[in-house]
Amino acid sequence: MAEYAANDDVNFGHVLVVGRSPVNCVVVAKIVERSGLRSVSQVPEKAIEVLFSLRPGTVVLDGGPTNGDCDEVLARIDAQRRTTGRRVPAVILLSTRDMLGEDIPGNAIDAVVAKPFTPETLQPVVEGLLRRIRG
């Protein structure tokens, strides 16, 4: 598996949007593009290949109805973080469940945004995480 070896390996201007719902992927893509970022959308089954070729600074995962739609992608990001000791890419989970007070699953999720999401709820999270990992 390829890894993000250094900050110069990361495409901070790119966001990988992963989900089964084409509508949600398009909406997320439009929101991140408002921040001047480029987005690439992919279904969970093909996302890992894109993740390690594109090396985006941020990944937005649509967890689906049970938050499990992107478990394999999340596991690969988690494994990479454990291997490299780096918290890249930043990972946002879009969740239908209110996760307030719950532990965020895995070591690979940096933020949870509740669905239905809006530009006002998602865009500041994307921009804030990107600022943090660029530092």
Protein backbone atom coordinates (compact mmCIF):
# COMPACT_ATOMS: atom_id res chain seq x y z
CA MET A 1 0.00 0.00 0.00
CA ALA A 2 1.30 3.43 -0.90
CA GLU A 3 1.54 5.92 1.93
CA TYR A 4 1.63 9.65 2.39
CA ALA A 5 5.32 10.01 3.21
CA ALA A 6 5.59 13.79 3.61
CA ASN A 7 3.49 16.92 3.28
CA ASP A 8 4.76 17.41 -0.27
CA ASP A 9 3.07 14.07 -1.10
CA VAL A 10 -0.33 15.46 -0.10
CA ASN A 11 -2.63 17.26 -2.53
CA PHE A 12 -4.13 19.66 0.01
CA GLY A 13 -6.29 21.24 -2.68
CA HIS A 14 -8.08 17.94 -3.36
CA VAL A 15 -10.96 16.34 -1.51
CA LEU A 16 -12.03 12.74 -2.03
CA VAL A 17 -15.78 12.30 -1.53
CA VAL A 18 -16.78 8.69 -0.89
CA GLY A 19 -20.33 7.41 -0.80
CA ARG A 20 -23.03 5.29 -2.38
CA SER A 21 -25.47 8.19 -2.88
CA PRO A 22 -24.66 10.10 -6.07
CA VAL A 23 -26.84 12.98 -4.85
CA ASN A 24 -24.93 13.34 -1.57
CA CYS A 25 -21.61 13.14 -3.42
CA VAL A 26 -22.62 15.93 -5.80
CA VAL A 27 -23.83 18.13 -2.94
CA VAL A 28 -20.62 17.57 -0.95
CA ALA A 29 -18.52 18.25 -4.05
CA LYS A 30 -20.28 21.58 -4.64
CA ILE A 31 -19.79 22.57 -1.00
CA VAL A 32 -16.04 21.84 -0.98
CA GLU A 33 -15.59 23.55 -4.32
CA ARG A 34 -16.96 26.74 -2.71
CA SER A 35 -13.77 26.68 -0.64
CA GLY A 36 -11.62 26.63 -3.77
CA LEU A 37 -10.88 22.91 -3.47
CA ARG A 38 -11.14 20.27 -6.18
CA SER A 39 -13.26 17.24 -5.52
CA VAL A 40 -13.27 13.70 -6.81
CA SER A 41 -16.22 11.46 -5.98
CA GLN A 42 -16.03 7.70 -5.79
CA VAL A 43 -18.05 4.73 -4.56
CA PRO A 44 -16.54 2.95 -1.53
CA GLU A 45 -15.44 -0.10 -3.54
CA LYS A 46 -13.17 2.00 -5.79
CA ALA A 47 -12.17 4.71 -3.32
CA ILE A 48 -9.01 3.08 -1.94
CA GLU A 49 -7.33 3.07 -5.33
CA VAL A 50 -8.18 6.74 -5.84
CA LEU A 51 -7.14 7.60 -2.27
CA PHE A 52 -3.56 6.44 -2.75
CA SER A 53 -3.15 7.75 -6.28
CA LEU A 54 -4.70 11.19 -5.66
CA ARG A 55 -3.41 11.61 -2.06
CA PRO A 56 -6.04 14.20 -1.10
CA GLY A 57 -5.68 16.42 1.94
CA THR A 58 -9.25 15.67 2.98
CA VAL A 59 -11.64 12.74 2.63
CA VAL A 60 -15.38 13.06 3.20
CA LEU A 61 -17.09 9.72 3.89
CA ASP A 62 -20.85 9.30 3.63
CA GLY A 63 -21.45 6.60 6.22
CA GLY A 64 -24.87 5.69 4.85
CA PRO A 65 -27.76 4.68 7.09
CA THR A 66 -25.60 2.72 9.58
CA ASN A 67 -22.31 4.66 9.26
CA GLY A 68 -20.77 1.48 7.81
CA ASP A 69 -20.76 2.16 4.05
CA CYS A 70 -17.12 3.26 4.05
CA ASP A 71 -15.68 0.92 6.70
CA GLU A 72 -13.05 -0.55 4.36
CA VAL A 73 -11.81 2.89 3.30
CA LEU A 74 -11.76 4.00 6.93
CA ALA A 75 -9.78 0.89 7.93
CA ARG A 76 -7.13 1.62 5.27
CA ILE A 77 -6.78 5.23 6.39
CA ASP A 78 -6.55 4.08 10.00
CA ALA A 79 -3.83 1.54 9.12
CA GLN A 80 -1.87 4.19 7.22
CA ARG A 81 -2.07 6.60 10.15
CA ARG A 82 -0.79 3.92 12.53
CA THR A 83 2.09 3.09 10.19
CA THR A 84 3.17 6.66 9.41
CA GLY A 85 2.16 8.41 12.64
CA ARG A 86 0.62 11.17 10.52
CA ARG A 87 -3.00 12.37 10.56
CA VAL A 88 -3.39 12.76 6.83
CA PRO A 89 -5.74 12.89 5.12
CA ALA A 90 -8.22 14.68 7.34
CA VAL A 91 -11.40 12.57 7.48
CA ILE A 92 -14.96 13.78 7.89
CA LEU A 93 -17.80 11.31 8.43
CA LEU A 94 -21.29 12.31 7.33
CA SER A 95 -23.59 10.56 9.77
CA THR A 96 -27.35 10.08 10.05
CA ARG A 97 -26.95 9.37 13.76
CA ASP A 98 -26.39 11.95 16.43
CA MET A 99 -22.96 10.94 17.72
CA LEU A 100 -22.82 13.56 20.47
CA GLY A 101 -21.28 11.98 23.53
CA GLU A 102 -20.18 8.86 21.63
CA ASP A 103 -16.63 7.91 20.95
CA ILE A 104 -15.82 8.52 17.31
CA PRO A 105 -15.06 5.10 15.83
CA GLY A 106 -11.49 4.32 14.85
CA ASN A 107 -8.43 6.50 14.80
CA ALA A 108 -9.18 7.79 11.34
CA ILE A 109 -12.16 10.12 11.84
CA ASP A 110 -11.38 13.74 12.63
CA ALA A 111 -14.90 15.17 12.55
CA VAL A 112 -18.51 14.07 12.27
CA VAL A 113 -21.10 16.19 10.47
CA ALA A 114 -24.75 15.28 10.95
CA LYS A 115 -27.04 14.72 8.00
CA PRO A 116 -28.83 16.49 6.58
CA PHE A 117 -25.79 18.71 6.14
CA THR A 118 -25.70 22.20 4.67
CA PRO A 119 -22.92 24.40 3.34
CA GLU A 120 -22.99 26.21 6.70
CA THR A 121 -22.37 22.97 8.63
CA LEU A 122 -19.90 21.21 6.31
CA GLN A 123 -17.76 23.94 4.75
CA PRO A 124 -16.28 25.31 8.02
CA VAL A 125 -15.37 21.78 9.12
CA VAL A 126 -13.57 21.07 5.82
CA GLU A 127 -11.68 24.37 5.95
CA GLY A 128 -10.76 24.01 9.64
CA LEU A 129 -9.38 20.49 9.27
CA LEU A 130 -7.42 21.46 6.19
CA ARG A 131 -5.82 24.39 8.04
CA ARG A 132 -4.87 22.08 10.91
CA ILE A 133 -3.18 19.40 8.78
CA ARG A 134 -1.33 21.89 6.58
CA GLY A 135 0.40 23.36 9.65
